[in-house]
Amino acid sequence: MNRKKLIKTTAVIIMFVMVFTLSSHAAVKAAYPAWQAGTAYKVGDIVSYGDSNYQCIQAHTALTGWEPPIVPALWSLYNGGTPQTAATPVFSPGGGTYTTAQNVTITCSTAGSTIRYTLNGSEPTASSAAYTGAIAISSTTTVKAKAFLSGMNDSQTAAATYTINKSDTTAAPAFSPAGGTYYGNVDVTLTCATGNATIRYTTDGTTPGAASKVYTGAIAVTAATTIKAYATASNLKDSAVVSSAYTISKNQTGLPAHILTGYWQNFDNGAKCLKLSDVPQTYNIIAVAFAEATANAGEVTFRLDSSLASKLGGYTEQQFINDIAAAKTKGQKVIISVGGETGSISVNSEASAANFANSVYSLMTKYGFDGVDIDLENGINAAYMTSALRQLSSKAGSGLIITMAPQTLDMQSVGSGYFQVALNIKDILTVVNTQYYNSGTMLGQDGKVYAQGSVDFLTALAAIQLENGLRPDQVGLGLPASTRAAGGGYVAPSVVNSALDCLTKGTGGGSYKPPRTYPALRGAMTWSINWDATNNYDFANTVSAKLNTLP
């Protein structure tokens, strides 16, 4: 072969290799639809975002701030063809040494997966026993579990060893709820892990004994009380004496035990425009939406929207201030809400925390606001927002009202920023009204997936907060007032009432049953008062009537 022919042949080969390589690369990096807020995604959907592709691992409706790189609970990186791996199962309680038999539950965050397990230490396979409910462990056992889902790689194997050292002593009683400060009366229940045990207790601070009262039902605590209790059982030693102290707050905010919160819109978006004086007394808290950010980090300001004022016939700032004062004489509380869907308020340093506290307090002084609502939908720094709210509390005093309106994703775990803030300021927090709408599907307290727009979505998600540190009087249910008020998640007010009954009384509800009842549950919130007015106040009239019947 001559040199020219060799060069030409070599060039052809190189070009072929380049074309083949580029074509193969293109096949791997196939063009997928770009991620878009407002789109409903199902498990397995693939989108592109930035320079990467992502696969949906939990069905949901996307919102701004839920971009794939930010929410690994909803999206995982997709490499162009390799199946994703199912999430590793989780045991509850975790492995360890216990003095009584344990009922072990196994959950997996991969929706639709099947969990299979073994109790003999062997590796689970597709033919192993399928998990259908709690597993009773009464002796030392190693449980192994694996999740399987068609189209995905099998999960990693989860393993936990349970050692049951049965004691010769009766288990000590447990208190529910735990001791602490409560608004209004609280019913305390006592349980014992030892079967057929008898619990004796006192409420006067003395040590209980054989002549003390036998526990037969919930103990009503209406004033500061210390409950002491112990348990006895046949053929076992008596348990240790345990105690729990309860403080009943005088409720310096002046709010009733159960409240209805609504947002007053300082803008015109098609809902009925209202003066503050138009808001009916069925609303206990009126949250003025919204304060605006200034050029100084953390600082907020407020002004009446000029187009709204014009549409209301020339609503002036002084009239607005007078209306706030008039609402307060009727027993209503008026607070300023910061954030909203387009809010850009950022508190991420000590300087911005001080700016936030100072500016909010300035608005409270000028307009007569009773407190603040935190409705930040674009991220929250737990440490600095905690600092800001504590600084505000020190300025405003014990009557300060602090409410929060996180999205559902913000309250899925105690590790989220919003949840951390709520727990950090638990001693000064009034209520968290989670927005149970515009969120697609989410995990409930039992680890199962629930779809918005159902009573189970409300009860199963609210129980996450109720079972993870917040007092029942600090938990409210946030819903849209009409189908036009949100992109999704609307339920009829009667469904809200069913959820309230389920959580406070154990009646009504749907398939999800909470682990206990929460008679002190604080109430409900709606977006918005204006949309409710457009709907003839169906939400306020229906839900407030139910709140008046709660314990």
Protein backbone atom coordinates (compact mmCIF):
# COMPACT_ATOMS: atom_id res chain seq x y z
CA MET A 1 0.00 0.00 0.00
CA ASN A 2 1.46 3.35 -0.97
CA ARG A 3 1.87 6.18 1.52
CA LYS A 4 -0.95 8.38 0.12
CA LYS A 5 -3.41 5.50 0.17
CA LEU A 6 -2.35 4.60 3.72
CA ILE A 7 -2.88 8.18 4.90
CA LYS A 8 -6.30 8.34 3.23
CA THR A 9 -7.36 5.02 4.73
CA THR A 10 -6.15 6.06 8.19
CA ALA A 11 -8.11 9.33 7.96
CA VAL A 12 -11.29 7.46 7.05
CA ILE A 13 -10.84 5.15 10.04
CA ILE A 14 -10.25 8.08 12.39
CA MET A 15 -13.36 9.87 11.09
CA PHE A 16 -15.40 6.67 11.51
CA VAL A 17 -14.20 6.26 15.09
CA MET A 18 -15.00 9.90 15.85
CA VAL A 19 -18.51 9.62 14.38
CA PHE A 20 -19.13 6.35 16.19
CA THR A 21 -17.86 7.81 19.49
CA LEU A 22 -19.97 10.96 19.15
CA SER A 23 -23.02 8.92 18.20
CA SER A 24 -22.51 6.59 21.14
CA HIS A 25 -22.02 9.54 23.47
CA ALA A 26 -25.22 11.10 22.15
CA ALA A 27 -27.04 7.86 22.81
CA VAL A 28 -25.86 7.90 26.43
CA LYS A 29 -26.64 11.60 26.87
CA ALA A 30 -30.09 11.35 25.28
CA ALA A 31 -32.06 14.56 25.34
CA TYR A 32 -34.72 14.38 28.05
CA PRO A 33 -37.40 17.00 28.78
CA ALA A 34 -36.15 19.88 30.91
CA TRP A 35 -37.37 19.92 34.51
CA GLN A 36 -40.22 22.41 34.98
CA ALA A 37 -41.99 23.69 38.09
CA GLY A 38 -45.71 22.92 38.08
CA THR A 39 -45.28 19.59 36.29
CA ALA A 40 -46.66 16.39 37.81
CA TYR A 41 -43.94 13.70 37.80
CA LYS A 42 -44.34 9.99 38.43
CA VAL A 43 -41.78 7.43 39.54
CA GLY A 44 -39.40 6.63 36.69
CA ASP A 45 -39.78 9.92 34.79
CA ILE A 46 -36.45 11.27 33.53
CA VAL A 47 -35.67 14.97 33.13
CA SER A 48 -32.66 17.09 32.34
CA TYR A 49 -31.46 19.87 34.63
CA GLY A 50 -28.20 21.72 34.16
CA ASP A 51 -25.63 19.29 32.76
CA SER A 52 -27.20 16.17 34.26
CA ASN A 53 -30.21 13.89 33.93
CA TYR A 54 -32.36 12.87 36.88
CA GLN A 55 -34.91 10.12 37.49
CA CYS A 56 -38.01 10.65 39.67
CA ILE A 57 -38.05 8.32 42.69
CA GLN A 58 -41.21 9.66 44.37
CA ALA A 59 -44.29 10.95 42.55
CA HIS A 60 -44.94 14.65 43.12
CA THR A 61 -45.91 17.95 41.54
CA ALA A 62 -42.78 20.08 41.14
CA LEU A 63 -42.49 23.47 42.79
CA THR A 64 -39.92 26.22 42.48
CA GLY A 65 -37.21 25.39 45.01
CA TRP A 66 -37.62 21.63 44.42
CA GLU A 67 -35.07 21.46 41.60
CA PRO A 68 -33.61 17.90 41.23
CA PRO A 69 -30.18 18.63 42.75
CA ILE A 70 -31.85 20.17 45.82
CA VAL A 71 -34.31 17.39 46.73
CA PRO A 72 -32.62 13.94 46.67
CA ALA A 73 -35.76 12.54 48.31
CA LEU A 74 -37.55 13.12 44.99
CA TRP A 75 -34.82 12.76 42.34
CA SER A 76 -31.71 10.65 41.78
CA LEU A 77 -28.97 11.11 39.18
CA TYR A 78 -29.63 9.15 35.99
CA ASN A 79 -26.60 8.03 34.00
CA GLY A 80 -28.34 7.40 30.70
CA GLY A 81 -29.49 3.82 30.93
CA THR A 82 -28.36 2.05 34.08
CA PRO A 83 -31.37 1.17 36.25
CA GLN A 84 -31.61 2.99 39.57
CA THR A 85 -31.29 1.16 42.88
CA ALA A 86 -34.19 0.78 45.28
CA ALA A 87 -33.75 2.48 48.65
CA THR A 88 -32.40 0.36 51.50
CA PRO A 89 -35.17 -0.70 53.94
CA VAL A 90 -35.28 0.85 57.40
CA PHE A 91 -36.14 -0.94 60.67
CA SER A 92 -38.15 0.58 63.51
CA PRO A 93 -37.13 0.21 66.25
CA GLY A 94 -33.53 -0.28 65.28
CA GLY A 95 -31.54 -3.30 66.37
CA GLY A 96 -30.33 -3.47 69.95
CA THR A 97 -30.90 -5.02 73.34
CA TYR A 98 -34.44 -4.93 74.72
CA THR A 99 -36.07 -6.21 77.89
CA THR A 100 -39.40 -7.00 76.21
CA ALA A 101 -40.54 -8.49 72.92
CA GLN A 102 -40.50 -6.00 70.01
CA ASN A 103 -42.83 -5.42 67.08
CA VAL A 104 -40.46 -4.46 64.27
CA THR A 105 -41.71 -2.52 61.25
CA ILE A 106 -39.80 -2.25 57.97
CA THR A 107 -40.23 0.64 55.54
CA CYS A 108 -38.73 1.63 52.19
CA SER A 109 -38.85 5.10 50.66
CA THR A 110 -38.98 3.70 47.12
CA ALA A 111 -42.67 3.87 46.27
CA GLY A 112 -44.16 0.59 44.99
CA SER A 113 -41.28 -1.59 46.10
CA THR A 114 -41.74 -4.99 47.75
CA ILE A 115 -39.78 -5.68 50.91
CA ARG A 116 -38.68 -9.28 51.49
CA TYR A 117 -37.00 -10.46 54.68
CA THR A 118 -35.46 -13.36 56.58
CA LEU A 119 -35.21 -14.09 60.30
CA ASN A 120 -32.40 -16.65 60.23
CA GLY A 121 -29.57 -14.39 59.11
CA SER A 122 -29.65 -15.56 55.49
CA GLU A 123 -29.62 -13.20 52.53
CA PRO A 124 -33.15 -12.20 51.37
CA THR A 125 -34.08 -13.14 47.80
CA ALA A 126 -37.05 -12.55 45.52
CA SER A 127 -38.61 -15.72 46.96
CA SER A 128 -38.19 -14.77 50.64
CA ALA A 129 -41.18 -13.82 52.78
CA ALA A 130 -42.82 -10.56 51.72
CA TYR A 131 -43.20 -7.97 54.45
CA THR A 132 -46.89 -7.24 55.13
CA GLY A 133 -46.89 -5.93 58.70
CA ALA A 134 -45.02 -5.67 61.99
CA ILE A 135 -42.81 -8.67 62.85
CA ALA A 136 -43.01 -9.91 66.44
CA ILE A 137 -39.52 -10.55 67.87
CA SER A 138 -39.56 -12.39 71.19
CA SER A 139 -36.05 -13.87 71.24
CA THR A 140 -32.61 -12.93 69.94
CA THR A 141 -33.03 -12.62 66.15
CA THR A 142 -31.18 -11.15 63.18
CA VAL A 143 -33.56 -9.64 60.64
CA LYS A 144 -32.37 -8.99 57.10
CA ALA A 145 -34.45 -7.16 54.49
CA LYS A 146 -34.17 -6.11 50.89
CA ALA A 147 -36.40 -4.03 48.59
CA PHE A 148 -37.34 -5.16 45.08
CA LEU A 149 -38.97 -3.13 42.28
CA SER A 150 -39.21 -4.01 38.61
CA GLY A 151 -36.97 -1.75 36.52
CA MET A 152 -34.64 -1.00 39.42
CA ASN A 153 -31.65 -2.73 40.93
CA ASP A 154 -32.41 -4.56 44.17
CA SER A 155 -31.63 -2.50 47.24
CA GLN A 156 -28.72 -3.03 49.56
CA THR A 157 -29.43 -5.53 52.32
CA ALA A 158 -30.46 -4.02 55.64
CA ALA A 159 -29.68 -6.04 58.76
CA ALA A 160 -30.51 -5.60 62.44
CA THR A 161 -29.96 -7.90 65.41
CA TYR A 162 -32.44 -7.80 68.29
CA THR A 163 -31.35 -9.21 71.64
CA ILE A 164 -34.23 -9.81 74.06
CA ASN A 165 -33.03 -9.93 77.67
CA LYS A 166 -36.22 -10.48 79.59
CA SER A 167 -36.03 -8.76 82.93
CA ASP A 168 -37.33 -9.96 86.29
CA THR A 169 -38.56 -6.40 86.88
CA THR A 170 -41.76 -4.79 85.64
CA ALA A 171 -41.19 -2.14 82.97
CA ALA A 172 -41.58 1.44 84.18
CA PRO A 173 -44.68 3.35 82.99
CA ALA A 174 -44.41 5.71 80.02
CA PHE A 175 -46.14 9.11 79.78
CA SER A 176 -47.95 10.47 76.73
CA PRO A 177 -47.63 13.28 76.01
CA ALA A 178 -44.31 13.88 77.71
CA GLY A 179 -44.02 16.51 80.40
CA GLY A 180 -43.71 20.12 79.30
CA THR A 181 -45.65 23.33 78.82
CA TYR A 182 -49.12 23.12 77.27
CA TYR A 183 -51.77 25.66 76.32
CA GLY A 184 -55.10 24.62 77.80
CA ASN A 185 -55.87 21.31 79.45
CA VAL A 186 -53.99 18.14 78.51
CA ASP A 187 -54.96 14.48 78.97
CA VAL A 188 -52.03 12.31 80.05
CA THR A 189 -52.05 8.58 79.37
CA LEU A 190 -49.83 5.99 81.11
CA THR A 191 -48.73 2.73 79.50
CA CYS A 192 -46.53 -0.17 80.54
CA ALA A 193 -44.62 -2.51 78.22
CA THR A 194 -45.12 -5.40 80.66
CA GLY A 195 -48.36 -7.19 79.91
CA ASN A 196 -51.09 -7.26 82.61
CA ALA A 197 -49.19 -4.76 84.76
CA THR A 198 -51.00 -2.52 87.24
CA ILE A 199 -49.98 1.14 87.29
CA ARG A 200 -50.38 3.23 90.46
CA TYR A 201 -49.82 6.98 90.51
CA THR A 202 -50.06 10.26 92.40
CA THR A 203 -50.57 13.84 91.24
CA ASP A 204 -49.58 15.69 94.42
CA GLY A 205 -45.84 15.15 94.17
CA THR A 206 -45.74 12.29 96.71
CA THR A 207 -44.18 8.92 95.95
CA PRO A 208 -46.82 6.34 94.93
CA GLY A 209 -47.22 3.11 96.85
CA ALA A 210 -49.51 0.11 97.22
CA ALA A 211 -52.34 2.33 98.46
CA SER A 212 -52.08 4.88 95.65
CA LYS A 213 -54.71 5.29 92.96
CA VAL A 214 -54.79 2.65 90.20
CA TYR A 215 -54.51 4.05 86.69
CA THR A 216 -57.62 3.26 84.65
CA GLY A 217 -57.73 6.03 82.07
CA ALA A 218 -56.35 9.37 80.90
CA ILE A 219 -55.47 11.85 83.67
CA ALA A 220 -56.85 15.34 83.03
CA VAL A 221 -54.21 17.98 83.83
CA THR A 222 -55.66 21.48 84.19
CA ALA A 223 -52.93 23.15 86.28
CA ALA A 224 -49.23 22.69 87.03
CA THR A 225 -48.93 19.03 88.03
CA THR A 226 -46.24 16.43 88.62
CA ILE A 227 -47.40 12.88 87.99
CA LYS A 228 -45.44 10.06 89.65
CA ALA A 229 -46.11 6.43 88.80
CA TYR A 230 -44.82 2.89 89.06
CA ALA A 231 -46.00 -0.51 87.80
CA THR A 232 -46.44 -3.95 89.36
CA ALA A 233 -46.98 -7.37 87.78
CA SER A 234 -47.30 -10.93 89.06
CA ASN A 235 -44.01 -12.76 89.69
CA LEU A 236 -41.97 -9.66 88.85
CA LYS A 237 -40.32 -6.96 90.90
CA ASP A 238 -42.01 -3.55 90.99
CA SER A 239 -40.76 -1.02 88.46
CA ALA A 240 -38.87 2.10 89.37
CA VAL A 241 -40.92 5.20 90.18
CA VAL A 242 -40.96 7.64 87.26
CA SER A 243 -42.32 11.18 87.11
CA SER A 244 -43.28 13.82 84.60
CA ALA A 245 -44.07 17.49 85.23
CA TYR A 246 -46.69 19.46 83.28
CA THR A 247 -47.10 23.24 83.15
CA ILE A 248 -50.32 24.76 81.85
CA SER A 249 -49.61 28.12 80.21
CA LYS A 250 -51.84 31.11 80.85
CA ASN A 251 -51.85 31.65 77.07
CA GLN A 252 -50.62 35.21 77.08
CA THR A 253 -51.41 35.56 73.37
CA GLY A 254 -55.11 35.68 74.30
CA LEU A 255 -56.04 33.13 71.62
CA PRO A 256 -58.59 30.34 72.16
CA ALA A 257 -57.54 26.70 72.37
CA HIS A 258 -58.48 26.06 68.73
CA ILE A 259 -57.96 28.74 66.09
CA LEU A 260 -58.61 29.54 62.45
CA THR A 261 -55.90 31.47 60.58
CA GLY A 262 -56.36 33.16 57.21
CA TYR A 263 -54.22 35.26 54.88
CA TRP A 264 -55.35 38.75 53.83
CA GLN A 265 -54.03 39.57 50.36
CA ASN A 266 -52.30 42.91 49.93
CA PHE A 267 -52.67 42.55 46.15
CA ASP A 268 -55.29 41.79 43.54
CA ASN A 269 -55.05 38.40 41.84
CA GLY A 270 -58.67 37.76 40.92
CA ALA A 271 -59.90 36.93 44.42
CA LYS A 272 -62.31 39.32 46.10
CA CYS A 273 -60.54 42.48 47.25
CA LEU A 274 -61.16 43.21 50.94
CA LYS A 275 -60.44 45.88 53.48
CA LEU A 276 -59.14 44.44 56.71
CA SER A 277 -62.40 45.53 58.34
CA ASP A 278 -64.27 43.16 55.97
CA VAL A 279 -62.67 40.05 57.49
CA PRO A 280 -65.27 38.12 59.56
CA GLN A 281 -64.66 37.29 63.23
CA THR A 282 -64.54 33.59 62.41
CA TYR A 283 -60.85 34.22 61.68
CA ASN A 284 -58.85 34.30 64.92
CA ILE A 285 -55.55 35.22 63.25
CA ILE A 286 -55.30 37.44 60.18
CA ALA A 287 -51.93 37.14 58.43
CA VAL A 288 -51.23 40.14 56.21
CA ALA A 289 -49.47 38.93 53.05
CA PHE A 290 -46.72 39.99 52.57
CA ALA A 291 -43.83 42.05 53.92
CA GLU A 292 -41.17 42.79 51.32
CA ALA A 293 -37.38 42.56 51.38
CA THR A 294 -35.23 45.70 51.27
CA ALA A 295 -31.70 46.15 49.97
CA ASN A 296 -30.38 45.33 53.47
CA ALA A 297 -30.02 41.59 54.06
CA GLY A 298 -32.76 40.28 56.36
CA GLU A 299 -34.61 43.57 56.58
CA VAL A 300 -38.31 43.75 55.65
CA THR A 301 -40.76 46.54 55.00
CA PHE A 302 -44.47 46.88 54.24
CA ARG A 303 -46.68 49.20 52.25
CA LEU A 304 -50.26 48.98 51.06
CA ASP A 305 -50.49 47.94 47.43
CA SER A 306 -51.54 51.04 45.50
CA SER A 307 -53.66 49.19 42.94
CA LEU A 308 -55.49 47.34 45.72
CA ALA A 309 -56.03 50.58 47.64
CA SER A 310 -57.45 52.20 44.52
CA LYS A 311 -59.78 49.28 43.83
CA LEU A 312 -61.08 49.60 47.42
CA GLY A 313 -61.99 53.22 46.84
CA GLY A 314 -58.83 54.81 48.18
CA TYR A 315 -57.94 52.59 51.16
CA THR A 316 -55.35 54.59 53.12
CA GLU A 317 -52.56 53.51 55.39
CA GLN A 318 -54.28 55.17 58.36
CA GLN A 319 -57.52 53.33 57.62
CA PHE A 320 -55.52 50.10 57.49
CA ILE A 321 -53.92 50.86 60.87
CA ASN A 322 -57.34 51.73 62.31
CA ASP A 323 -58.77 48.45 60.98
CA ILE A 324 -55.99 46.49 62.71
CA ALA A 325 -56.83 48.19 66.01
CA ALA A 326 -60.56 47.48 65.50
CA ALA A 327 -59.90 43.80 64.75
CA LYS A 328 -57.90 43.50 67.97
CA THR A 329 -60.77 44.95 70.01
CA LYS A 330 -62.91 42.11 68.62
CA GLY A 331 -60.40 39.53 69.90
CA GLN A 332 -58.69 38.90 66.57
CA LYS A 333 -54.92 38.94 66.14
CA VAL A 334 -53.27 40.54 63.12
CA ILE A 335 -49.74 39.51 62.13
CA ILE A 336 -47.39 40.33 59.26
CA SER A 337 -46.39 37.47 56.97
CA VAL A 338 -42.93 37.44 55.41
CA GLY A 339 -42.05 35.52 52.28
CA GLY A 340 -44.64 33.96 50.01
CA GLU A 341 -44.02 32.20 46.70
CA THR A 342 -41.96 35.07 45.27
CA GLY A 343 -40.49 36.39 48.51
CA SER A 344 -36.71 36.82 48.48
CA ILE A 345 -36.03 37.43 52.17
CA SER A 346 -32.77 35.84 53.30
CA VAL A 347 -31.62 35.52 56.92
CA ASN A 348 -28.21 33.84 56.73
CA SER A 349 -25.96 35.78 59.10
CA GLU A 350 -26.07 37.39 62.53
CA ALA A 351 -26.29 40.82 60.90
CA SER A 352 -29.27 39.81 58.76
CA ALA A 353 -30.91 38.12 61.78
CA ALA A 354 -30.66 41.41 63.70
CA ASN A 355 -32.01 43.31 60.68
CA PHE A 356 -34.95 40.94 60.49
CA ALA A 357 -35.83 41.24 64.19
CA ASN A 358 -35.44 45.02 64.23
CA SER A 359 -37.46 45.61 61.08
CA VAL A 360 -40.32 43.26 62.03
CA TYR A 361 -40.53 44.87 65.46
CA SER A 362 -40.61 48.28 63.77
CA LEU A 363 -43.59 47.16 61.66
CA MET A 364 -45.32 45.81 64.77
CA THR A 365 -44.86 49.18 66.45
CA LYS A 366 -46.03 51.20 63.44
CA TYR A 367 -49.06 49.17 62.36
CA GLY A 368 -50.01 47.34 65.55
CA PHE A 369 -49.20 43.83 64.32
CA ASP A 370 -49.30 41.15 67.04
CA GLY A 371 -46.51 39.05 65.57
CA VAL A 372 -45.03 37.47 62.48
CA ASP A 373 -45.71 34.60 60.12
CA ILE A 374 -42.74 32.82 58.49
CA ASP A 375 -43.67 31.77 54.96
CA LEU A 376 -40.27 31.45 53.31
CA GLU A 377 -40.61 29.11 50.31
CA ASN A 378 -37.08 29.47 48.93
CA GLY A 379 -35.00 28.00 51.75
CA ILE A 380 -34.39 28.80 55.39
CA ASN A 381 -31.26 28.89 57.53
CA ALA A 382 -32.28 27.27 60.81
CA ALA A 383 -29.55 28.77 63.00
CA TYR A 384 -29.94 32.38 61.92
CA MET A 385 -33.75 32.35 61.66
CA THR A 386 -33.83 30.93 65.19
CA SER A 387 -31.60 33.79 66.31
CA ALA A 388 -33.81 36.35 64.52
CA LEU A 389 -37.02 35.10 66.14
CA ARG A 390 -35.48 34.95 69.60
CA GLN A 391 -34.25 38.52 69.21
CA LEU A 392 -37.76 39.55 68.13
CA SER A 393 -39.25 37.73 71.13
CA SER A 394 -36.98 39.59 73.52
CA LYS A 395 -38.19 42.88 72.03
CA ALA A 396 -41.91 42.08 71.78
CA GLY A 397 -42.40 40.10 75.01
CA SER A 398 -44.50 37.07 75.94
CA GLY A 399 -47.55 38.15 73.92
CA LEU A 400 -45.70 37.73 70.61
CA ILE A 401 -47.44 35.47 68.09
CA ILE A 402 -45.15 33.42 65.82
CA THR A 403 -46.72 31.26 63.13
CA MET A 404 -45.06 29.29 60.34
CA ALA A 405 -46.39 28.10 56.97
CA PRO A 406 -43.90 25.57 55.56
CA GLN A 407 -44.50 23.48 52.47
CA THR A 408 -45.07 19.74 52.97
CA LEU A 409 -41.53 18.84 51.89
CA ASP A 410 -40.17 21.17 54.59
CA MET A 411 -41.82 19.09 57.33
CA GLN A 412 -41.04 15.56 56.15
CA SER A 413 -38.07 15.23 58.49
CA VAL A 414 -36.76 16.83 61.69
CA GLY A 415 -33.55 17.38 59.75
CA SER A 416 -35.11 20.00 57.46
CA GLY A 417 -34.42 23.67 58.18
CA TYR A 418 -38.06 24.57 58.81
CA PHE A 419 -38.60 21.69 61.22
CA GLN A 420 -35.39 22.60 63.06
CA VAL A 421 -36.54 26.21 63.51
CA ALA A 422 -39.91 25.05 64.84
CA LEU A 423 -38.24 22.80 67.41
CA ASN A 424 -35.61 25.43 68.28
CA ILE A 425 -38.29 28.01 69.20
CA LYS A 426 -40.82 25.58 70.62
CA ASP A 427 -41.11 27.61 73.83
CA ILE A 428 -42.21 30.77 71.95
CA LEU A 429 -43.87 29.22 68.86
CA THR A 430 -47.63 29.64 68.45
CA VAL A 431 -48.50 27.31 65.57
CA VAL A 432 -47.11 25.67 62.41
CA ASN A 433 -49.73 25.63 59.63
CA THR A 434 -48.18 23.37 56.99
CA GLN A 435 -49.44 23.97 53.45
CA TYR A 436 -51.07 20.65 52.56
CA TYR A 437 -51.45 21.60 48.89
CA ASN A 438 -49.38 22.16 45.72
CA SER A 439 -47.25 19.19 46.74
CA GLY A 440 -48.25 16.05 44.82
CA THR A 441 -47.56 12.90 46.87
CA MET A 442 -45.62 12.74 50.13
CA LEU A 443 -44.67 10.25 52.83
CA GLY A 444 -46.88 10.03 55.91
CA GLN A 445 -45.95 9.28 59.51
CA ASP A 446 -46.31 5.55 58.81
CA GLY A 447 -43.82 5.64 55.92
CA LYS A 448 -46.51 5.16 53.28
CA VAL A 449 -47.05 7.47 50.30
CA TYR A 450 -50.21 9.61 50.28
CA ALA A 451 -51.64 11.83 47.56
CA GLN A 452 -52.71 15.41 48.18
CA GLY A 453 -56.42 16.14 48.09
CA SER A 454 -57.35 13.39 50.58
CA VAL A 455 -58.09 13.20 54.28
CA ASP A 456 -55.26 10.68 54.73
CA PHE A 457 -52.79 13.20 53.29
CA LEU A 458 -53.76 15.66 56.03
CA THR A 459 -53.75 13.25 58.97
CA ALA A 460 -50.72 11.13 58.00
CA LEU A 461 -48.51 14.15 57.31
CA ALA A 462 -49.68 16.13 60.36
CA ALA A 463 -48.78 13.14 62.53
CA ILE A 464 -45.13 13.52 61.48
CA GLN A 465 -44.99 16.78 63.42
CA LEU A 466 -47.18 15.49 66.25
CA GLU A 467 -44.94 12.46 66.77
CA ASN A 468 -41.62 14.26 66.36
CA GLY A 469 -41.43 17.00 68.93
CA LEU A 470 -44.09 19.64 68.34
CA ARG A 471 -46.91 19.97 70.87
CA PRO A 472 -50.40 19.30 69.47
CA ASP A 473 -51.33 22.93 70.23
CA GLN A 474 -48.56 23.96 67.82
CA VAL A 475 -49.88 22.03 64.80
CA GLY A 476 -52.47 23.31 62.32
CA LEU A 477 -53.75 22.14 58.94
CA GLY A 478 -53.23 24.56 56.02
CA LEU A 479 -55.56 24.25 53.01
CA PRO A 480 -56.70 26.37 50.03
CA ALA A 481 -60.09 28.05 50.44
CA SER A 482 -61.25 27.18 46.91
CA THR A 483 -60.17 25.30 43.81
CA ARG A 484 -58.87 28.58 42.38
CA ALA A 485 -56.65 29.30 45.39
CA ALA A 486 -54.02 26.64 44.60
CA GLY A 487 -52.71 24.51 41.77
CA GLY A 488 -53.68 21.30 43.53
CA GLY A 489 -54.60 19.80 46.89
CA TYR A 490 -58.00 21.44 47.42
CA VAL A 491 -60.38 19.47 49.61
CA ALA A 492 -63.90 20.39 50.66
CA PRO A 493 -64.11 21.97 54.14
CA SER A 494 -65.97 18.84 55.29
CA VAL A 495 -62.80 16.83 54.58
CA VAL A 496 -60.80 19.25 56.76
CA ASN A 497 -63.34 18.67 59.52
CA SER A 498 -62.99 14.90 59.10
CA ALA A 499 -59.22 15.24 59.54
CA LEU A 500 -59.71 17.38 62.67
CA ASP A 501 -62.02 14.75 64.16
CA CYS A 502 -59.58 11.95 63.31
CA LEU A 503 -56.63 13.69 64.94
CA THR A 504 -58.41 15.02 68.03
CA LYS A 505 -61.03 12.34 68.72
CA GLY A 506 -60.00 9.25 66.77
CA THR A 507 -63.23 9.32 64.71
CA GLY A 508 -63.71 9.87 61.00
CA GLY A 509 -60.66 10.16 58.78
CA GLY A 510 -59.69 7.57 56.19
CA SER A 511 -57.46 4.48 56.04
CA TYR A 512 -54.62 6.10 58.01
CA LYS A 513 -55.09 5.88 61.77
CA PRO A 514 -52.77 8.00 63.94
CA PRO A 515 -50.93 6.25 66.80
CA ARG A 516 -52.92 8.31 69.34
CA THR A 517 -55.33 11.23 69.51
CA TYR A 518 -54.29 14.86 69.95
CA PRO A 519 -57.17 16.74 71.61
CA ALA A 520 -55.12 19.96 71.84
CA LEU A 521 -54.52 20.17 68.06
CA ARG A 522 -54.49 23.91 67.38
CA GLY A 523 -56.71 24.26 64.34
CA ALA A 524 -56.58 25.14 60.65
CA MET A 525 -55.34 27.78 58.19
CA THR A 526 -56.51 28.78 54.74
CA TRP A 527 -55.06 30.52 51.73
CA SER A 528 -56.74 32.89 51.57
CA ILE A 529 -59.43 34.98 53.25
CA ASN A 530 -59.95 36.69 49.89
CA TRP A 531 -60.48 33.40 48.06
CA ASP A 532 -62.77 32.29 50.88
CA ALA A 533 -64.79 35.49 50.42
CA THR A 534 -65.03 34.69 46.70
CA ASN A 535 -66.44 31.31 47.77
CA ASN A 536 -68.99 32.84 50.21
CA TYR A 537 -66.76 32.03 53.21
CA ASP A 538 -67.53 28.33 52.94
CA PHE A 539 -64.17 27.39 54.51
CA ALA A 540 -64.41 29.76 57.49
CA ASN A 541 -68.03 29.01 58.26
CA THR A 542 -67.63 25.23 58.03
CA VAL A 543 -64.25 24.77 59.72
CA SER A 544 -64.68 27.36 62.49
CA ALA A 545 -67.93 25.65 63.52
CA LYS A 546 -66.02 22.37 63.83
CA LEU A 547 -63.20 23.98 65.83
CA ASN A 548 -65.77 25.13 68.37
CA THR A 549 -66.75 21.50 69.01
CA LEU A 550 -63.24 20.14 69.58
CA PRO A 551 -62.09 19.14 73.08
